[in-house]
Amino acid sequence: MPTGVVKFFNERKGFGFIIDDELQQDIFVHATGLIDRIAEADKVTFEITEDNRGKKAINVKKTE
């Protein structure tokens, strides 16, 4: 399961980006893909799915 760090997350708008530790790429994350509440600089695990707009993080969970 990929790991990363939350680069940006706007709770009001419900979206943000995670920097994937392995790929060093920004992965889009939407509030509907969250399991835990996240904030900037949180370490997370997630799954990656792809749609017509590109890669997207789902099942996002905070790690310690």
PDB file of N, CA and C in Angstrom:
ATOM      1  N   MET A   1       0.855  -1.186   0.000  1.00  0.00           N
ATOM      2  CA  MET A   1       0.000   0.000   0.000  1.00  0.00           C
ATOM      3  C   MET A   1       0.893   1.238   0.000  1.00  0.00           C
ATOM      4  N   PRO A   2       0.639   2.179  -0.912  1.00  0.00           N
ATOM      5  CA  PRO A   2       1.460   3.395  -0.973  1.00  0.00           C
ATOM      6  C   PRO A   2       1.357   4.235   0.304  1.00  0.00           C
ATOM      7  N   THR A   3       2.433   4.953   0.576  1.00  0.00           N
ATOM      8  CA  THR A   3       2.462   5.893   1.702  1.00  0.00           C
ATOM      9  C   THR A   3       2.831   7.266   1.156  1.00  0.00           C
ATOM     10  N   GLY A   4       2.508   8.290   1.936  1.00  0.00           N
ATOM     11  CA  GLY A   4       2.845   9.639   1.520  1.00  0.00           C
ATOM     12  C   GLY A   4       2.566  10.646   2.613  1.00  0.00           C
ATOM     13  N   VAL A   5       2.702  11.910   2.251  1.00  0.00           N
ATOM     14  CA  VAL A   5       2.484  13.025   3.167  1.00  0.00           C
ATOM     15  C   VAL A   5       1.484  13.983   2.521  1.00  0.00           C
ATOM     16  N   VAL A   6       0.550  14.471   3.321  1.00  0.00           N
ATOM     17  CA  VAL A   6      -0.442  15.416   2.806  1.00  0.00           C
ATOM     18  C   VAL A   6       0.270  16.745   2.538  1.00  0.00           C
ATOM     19  N   LYS A   7       0.270  17.152   1.289  1.00  0.00           N
ATOM     20  CA  LYS A   7       0.904  18.411   0.873  1.00  0.00           C
ATOM     21  C   LYS A   7      -0.032  19.581   1.125  1.00  0.00           C
ATOM     22  N   PHE A   8      -1.310  19.355   0.824  1.00  0.00           N
ATOM     23  CA  PHE A   8      -2.314  20.404   0.930  1.00  0.00           C
ATOM     24  C   PHE A   8      -3.666  19.727   1.057  1.00  0.00           C
ATOM     25  N   PHE A   9      -4.528  20.241   1.939  1.00  0.00           N
ATOM     26  CA  PHE A   9      -5.902  19.761   1.987  1.00  0.00           C
ATOM     27  C   PHE A   9      -6.801  20.892   2.468  1.00  0.00           C
ATOM     28  N   ASN A  10      -7.787  21.249   1.648  1.00  0.00           N
ATOM     29  CA  ASN A  10      -8.747  22.281   1.989  1.00  0.00           C
ATOM     30  C   ASN A  10     -10.020  21.584   2.457  1.00  0.00           C
ATOM     31  N   GLU A  11     -10.217  21.551   3.752  1.00  0.00           N
ATOM     32  CA  GLU A  11     -11.370  20.844   4.320  1.00  0.00           C
ATOM     33  C   GLU A  11     -12.696  21.446   3.863  1.00  0.00           C
ATOM     34  N   ARG A  12     -12.740  22.751   3.725  1.00  0.00           N
ATOM     35  CA  ARG A  12     -13.967  23.427   3.305  1.00  0.00           C
ATOM     36  C   ARG A  12     -14.371  23.040   1.879  1.00  0.00           C
ATOM     37  N   LYS A  13     -13.384  22.966   0.991  1.00  0.00           N
ATOM     38  CA  LYS A  13     -13.662  22.598  -0.401  1.00  0.00           C
ATOM     39  C   LYS A  13     -13.646  21.084  -0.617  1.00  0.00           C
ATOM     40  N   GLY A  14     -13.020  20.349   0.308  1.00  0.00           N
ATOM     41  CA  GLY A  14     -13.050  18.890   0.256  1.00  0.00           C
ATOM     42  C   GLY A  14     -12.067  18.229  -0.686  1.00  0.00           C
ATOM     43  N   PHE A  15     -10.921  18.869  -0.930  1.00  0.00           N
ATOM     44  CA  PHE A  15      -9.924  18.227  -1.778  1.00  0.00           C
ATOM     45  C   PHE A  15      -8.522  18.698  -1.413  1.00  0.00           C
ATOM     46  N   GLY A  16      -7.533  17.975  -1.939  1.00  0.00           N
ATOM     47  CA  GLY A  16      -6.147  18.336  -1.713  1.00  0.00           C
ATOM     48  C   GLY A  16      -5.212  17.419  -2.482  1.00  0.00           C
ATOM     49  N   PHE A  17      -3.948  17.367  -2.029  1.00  0.00           N
ATOM     50  CA  PHE A  17      -2.940  16.557  -2.694  1.00  0.00           C
ATOM     51  C   PHE A  17      -2.053  15.861  -1.672  1.00  0.00           C
ATOM     52  N   ILE A  18      -1.641  14.651  -2.028  1.00  0.00           N
ATOM     53  CA  ILE A  18      -0.711  13.857  -1.237  1.00  0.00           C
ATOM     54  C   ILE A  18       0.542  13.675  -2.081  1.00  0.00           C
ATOM     55  N   ILE A  19       1.725  13.798  -1.469  1.00  0.00           N
ATOM     56  CA  ILE A  19       2.973  13.500  -2.169  1.00  0.00           C
ATOM     57  C   ILE A  19       3.287  12.034  -1.902  1.00  0.00           C
ATOM     58  N   ASP A  20       3.282  11.235  -2.954  1.00  0.00           N
ATOM     59  CA  ASP A  20       3.585   9.810  -2.855  1.00  0.00           C
ATOM     60  C   ASP A  20       5.067   9.625  -2.502  1.00  0.00           C
ATOM     61  N   ASP A  21       5.368   8.863  -1.434  1.00  0.00           N
ATOM     62  CA  ASP A  21       6.757   8.671  -1.003  1.00  0.00           C
ATOM     63  C   ASP A  21       7.621   8.006  -2.069  1.00  0.00           C
ATOM     64  N   GLU A  22       7.080   7.024  -2.757  1.00  0.00           N
ATOM     65  CA  GLU A  22       7.872   6.276  -3.736  1.00  0.00           C
ATOM     66  C   GLU A  22       8.010   7.022  -5.059  1.00  0.00           C
ATOM     67  N   LEU A  23       6.902   7.509  -5.595  1.00  0.00           N
ATOM     68  CA  LEU A  23       6.905   8.148  -6.913  1.00  0.00           C
ATOM     69  C   LEU A  23       7.291   9.629  -6.873  1.00  0.00           C
ATOM     70  N   GLN A  24       7.192  10.249  -5.681  1.00  0.00           N
ATOM     71  CA  GLN A  24       7.434  11.683  -5.516  1.00  0.00           C
ATOM     72  C   GLN A  24       6.549  12.510  -6.448  1.00  0.00           C
ATOM     73  N   GLN A  25       5.296  12.059  -6.617  1.00  0.00           N
ATOM     74  CA  GLN A  25       4.322  12.768  -7.429  1.00  0.00           C
ATOM     75  C   GLN A  25       3.163  13.212  -6.556  1.00  0.00           C
ATOM     76  N   ASP A  26       2.508  14.292  -6.983  1.00  0.00           N
ATOM     77  CA  ASP A  26       1.290  14.729  -6.309  1.00  0.00           C
ATOM     78  C   ASP A  26       0.137  13.845  -6.753  1.00  0.00           C
ATOM     79  N   ILE A  27      -0.618  13.344  -5.776  1.00  0.00           N
ATOM     80  CA  ILE A  27      -1.789  12.528  -6.055  1.00  0.00           C
ATOM     81  C   ILE A  27      -3.000  13.294  -5.512  1.00  0.00           C
ATOM     82  N   PHE A  28      -3.994  13.506  -6.352  1.00  0.00           N
ATOM     83  CA  PHE A  28      -5.211  14.206  -5.961  1.00  0.00           C
ATOM     84  C   PHE A  28      -5.970  13.381  -4.923  1.00  0.00           C
ATOM     85  N   VAL A  29      -6.557  14.043  -3.946  1.00  0.00           N
ATOM     86  CA  VAL A  29      -7.408  13.363  -2.960  1.00  0.00           C
ATOM     87  C   VAL A  29      -8.670  14.192  -2.755  1.00  0.00           C
ATOM     88  N   HIS A  30      -9.813  13.513  -2.755  1.00  0.00           N
ATOM     89  CA  HIS A  30     -11.103  14.153  -2.530  1.00  0.00           C
ATOM     90  C   HIS A  30     -11.641  13.653  -1.191  1.00  0.00           C
ATOM     91  N   ALA A  31     -12.445  14.455  -0.531  1.00  0.00           N
ATOM     92  CA  ALA A  31     -13.006  14.096   0.783  1.00  0.00           C
ATOM     93  C   ALA A  31     -13.755  12.765   0.756  1.00  0.00           C
ATOM     94  N   THR A  32     -14.334  12.390  -0.380  1.00  0.00           N
ATOM     95  CA  THR A  32     -15.056  11.117  -0.468  1.00  0.00           C
ATOM     96  C   THR A  32     -14.111   9.922  -0.396  1.00  0.00           C
ATOM     97  N   GLY A  33     -12.801  10.135  -0.591  1.00  0.00           N
ATOM     98  CA  GLY A  33     -11.830   9.049  -0.533  1.00  0.00           C
ATOM     99  C   GLY A  33     -11.155   8.893   0.819  1.00  0.00           C
ATOM    100  N   LEU A  34     -11.620   9.655   1.811  1.00  0.00           N
ATOM    101  CA  LEU A  34     -10.988   9.624   3.137  1.00  0.00           C
ATOM    102  C   LEU A  34     -11.650   8.621   4.075  1.00  0.00           C
ATOM    103  N   ILE A  35     -10.811   7.948   4.855  1.00  0.00           N
ATOM    104  CA  ILE A  35     -11.303   7.125   5.963  1.00  0.00           C
ATOM    105  C   ILE A  35     -11.132   7.931   7.252  1.00  0.00           C
ATOM    106  N   ASP A  36      -9.986   8.614   7.379  1.00  0.00           N
ATOM    107  CA  ASP A  36      -9.701   9.475   8.531  1.00  0.00           C
ATOM    108  C   ASP A  36      -9.661  10.925   8.067  1.00  0.00           C
ATOM    109  N   ARG A  37      -9.859  11.824   9.025  1.00  0.00           N
ATOM    110  CA  ARG A  37      -9.689  13.248   8.746  1.00  0.00           C
ATOM    111  C   ARG A  37      -8.209  13.532   8.551  1.00  0.00           C
ATOM    112  N   ILE A  38      -7.852  14.330   7.548  1.00  0.00           N
ATOM    113  CA  ILE A  38      -6.440  14.625   7.294  1.00  0.00           C
ATOM    114  C   ILE A  38      -6.189  16.125   7.279  1.00  0.00           C
ATOM    115  N   ALA A  39      -4.919  16.470   7.486  1.00  0.00           N
ATOM    116  CA  ALA A  39      -4.481  17.870   7.448  1.00  0.00           C
ATOM    117  C   ALA A  39      -3.078  17.901   6.858  1.00  0.00           C
ATOM    118  N   GLU A  40      -2.621  19.075   6.484  1.00  0.00           N
ATOM    119  CA  GLU A  40      -1.283  19.221   5.920  1.00  0.00           C
ATOM    120  C   GLU A  40      -0.239  18.616   6.842  1.00  0.00           C
ATOM    121  N   ALA A  41       0.746  17.934   6.241  1.00  0.00           N
ATOM    122  CA  ALA A  41       1.885  17.293   6.897  1.00  0.00           C
ATOM    123  C   ALA A  41       1.546  15.954   7.566  1.00  0.00           C
ATOM    124  N   ASP A  42       0.298  15.495   7.519  1.00  0.00           N
ATOM    125  CA  ASP A  42      -0.042  14.170   8.043  1.00  0.00           C
ATOM    126  C   ASP A  42       0.577  13.096   7.164  1.00  0.00           C
ATOM    127  N   LYS A  43       1.071  12.031   7.805  1.00  0.00           N
ATOM    128  CA  LYS A  43       1.547  10.863   7.067  1.00  0.00           C
ATOM    129  C   LYS A  43       0.348   9.956   6.862  1.00  0.00           C
ATOM    130  N   VAL A  44       0.214   9.423   5.640  1.00  0.00           N
ATOM    131  CA  VAL A  44      -0.965   8.635   5.290  1.00  0.00           C
ATOM    132  C   VAL A  44      -0.600   7.401   4.464  1.00  0.00           C
ATOM    133  N   THR A  45      -1.518   6.433   4.472  1.00  0.00           N
ATOM    134  CA  THR A  45      -1.491   5.327   3.522  1.00  0.00           C
ATOM    135  C   THR A  45      -2.728   5.482   2.658  1.00  0.00           C
ATOM    136  N   PHE A  46      -2.675   4.936   1.454  1.00  0.00           N
ATOM    137  CA  PHE A  46      -3.797   5.117   0.533  1.00  0.00           C
ATOM    138  C   PHE A  46      -3.703   4.113  -0.597  1.00  0.00           C
ATOM    139  N   GLU A  47      -4.752   4.025  -1.380  1.00  0.00           N
ATOM    140  CA  GLU A  47      -4.766   3.257  -2.616  1.00  0.00           C
ATOM    141  C   GLU A  47      -4.885   4.252  -3.761  1.00  0.00           C
ATOM    142  N   ILE A  48      -4.420   3.854  -4.933  1.00  0.00           N
ATOM    143  CA  ILE A  48      -4.482   4.744  -6.096  1.00  0.00           C
ATOM    144  C   ILE A  48      -5.450   4.170  -7.116  1.00  0.00           C
ATOM    145  N   THR A  49      -6.318   5.041  -7.605  1.00  0.00           N
ATOM    146  CA  THR A  49      -7.210   4.702  -8.704  1.00  0.00           C
ATOM    147  C   THR A  49      -6.991   5.745  -9.785  1.00  0.00           C
ATOM    148  N   GLU A  50      -7.435   5.449 -10.981  1.00  0.00           N
ATOM    149  CA  GLU A  50      -7.273   6.410 -12.063  1.00  0.00           C
ATOM    150  C   GLU A  50      -8.605   6.638 -12.755  1.00  0.00           C
ATOM    151  N   ASP A  51      -8.865   7.904 -13.060  1.00  0.00           N
ATOM    152  CA  ASP A  51     -10.064   8.238 -13.823  1.00  0.00           C
ATOM    153  C   ASP A  51      -9.642   9.106 -15.003  1.00  0.00           C
ATOM    154  N   ASN A  52     -10.592   9.728 -15.659  1.00  0.00           N
ATOM    155  CA  ASN A  52     -10.267  10.533 -16.844  1.00  0.00           C
ATOM    156  C   ASN A  52      -9.424  11.764 -16.534  1.00  0.00           C
ATOM    157  N   ARG A  53      -9.322  12.134 -15.273  1.00  0.00           N
ATOM    158  CA  ARG A  53      -8.513  13.295 -14.882  1.00  0.00           C
ATOM    159  C   ARG A  53      -7.121  12.905 -14.393  1.00  0.00           C
ATOM    160  N   GLY A  54      -6.881  11.620 -14.167  1.00  0.00           N
ATOM    161  CA  GLY A  54      -5.568  11.180 -13.700  1.00  0.00           C
ATOM    162  C   GLY A  54      -5.663  10.360 -12.428  1.00  0.00           C
ATOM    163  N   LYS A  55      -4.529  10.273 -11.719  1.00  0.00           N
ATOM    164  CA  LYS A  55      -4.462   9.471 -10.498  1.00  0.00           C
ATOM    165  C   LYS A  55      -5.197  10.146  -9.352  1.00  0.00           C
ATOM    166  N   LYS A  56      -5.805   9.302  -8.501  1.00  0.00           N
ATOM    167  CA  LYS A  56      -6.586   9.806  -7.382  1.00  0.00           C
ATOM    168  C   LYS A  56      -6.387   8.862  -6.192  1.00  0.00           C
ATOM    169  N   ALA A  57      -6.202   9.409  -5.007  1.00  0.00           N
ATOM    170  CA  ALA A  57      -6.041   8.606  -3.795  1.00  0.00           C
ATOM    171  C   ALA A  57      -7.414   8.280  -3.207  1.00  0.00           C
ATOM    172  N   ILE A  58      -7.576   7.015  -2.800  1.00  0.00           N
ATOM    173  CA  ILE A  58      -8.795   6.578  -2.126  1.00  0.00           C
ATOM    174  C   ILE A  58      -8.412   5.782  -0.887  1.00  0.00           C
ATOM    175  N   ASN A  59      -9.376   5.556  -0.007  1.00  0.00           N
ATOM    176  CA  ASN A  59      -9.137   4.804   1.238  1.00  0.00           C
ATOM    177  C   ASN A  59      -7.945   5.379   2.010  1.00  0.00           C
ATOM    178  N   VAL A  60      -7.912   6.693   2.134  1.00  0.00           N
ATOM    179  CA  VAL A  60      -6.812   7.408   2.776  1.00  0.00           C
ATOM    180  C   VAL A  60      -6.940   7.320   4.289  1.00  0.00           C
ATOM    181  N   LYS A  61      -5.861   6.794   4.934  1.00  0.00           N
ATOM    182  CA  LYS A  61      -5.830   6.654   6.392  1.00  0.00           C
ATOM    183  C   LYS A  61      -4.581   7.314   6.943  1.00  0.00           C
ATOM    184  N   LYS A  62      -4.714   7.972   8.097  1.00  0.00           N
ATOM    185  CA  LYS A  62      -3.563   8.545   8.775  1.00  0.00           C
ATOM    186  C   LYS A  62      -2.719   7.429   9.394  1.00  0.00           C
ATOM    187  N   THR A  63      -1.395   7.618   9.390  1.00  0.00           N
ATOM    188  CA  THR A  63      -0.491   6.714  10.093  1.00  0.00           C
ATOM    189  C   THR A  63       0.195   7.502  11.193  1.00  0.00           C
ATOM    190  N   GLU A  64       0.844   6.826  12.073  1.00  0.00           N
ATOM    191  CA  GLU A  64       1.494   7.502  13.217  1.00  0.00           C
ATOM    192  C   GLU A  64       2.913   7.864  12.950  1.00  0.00           C
TER     193      GLU A  64
END
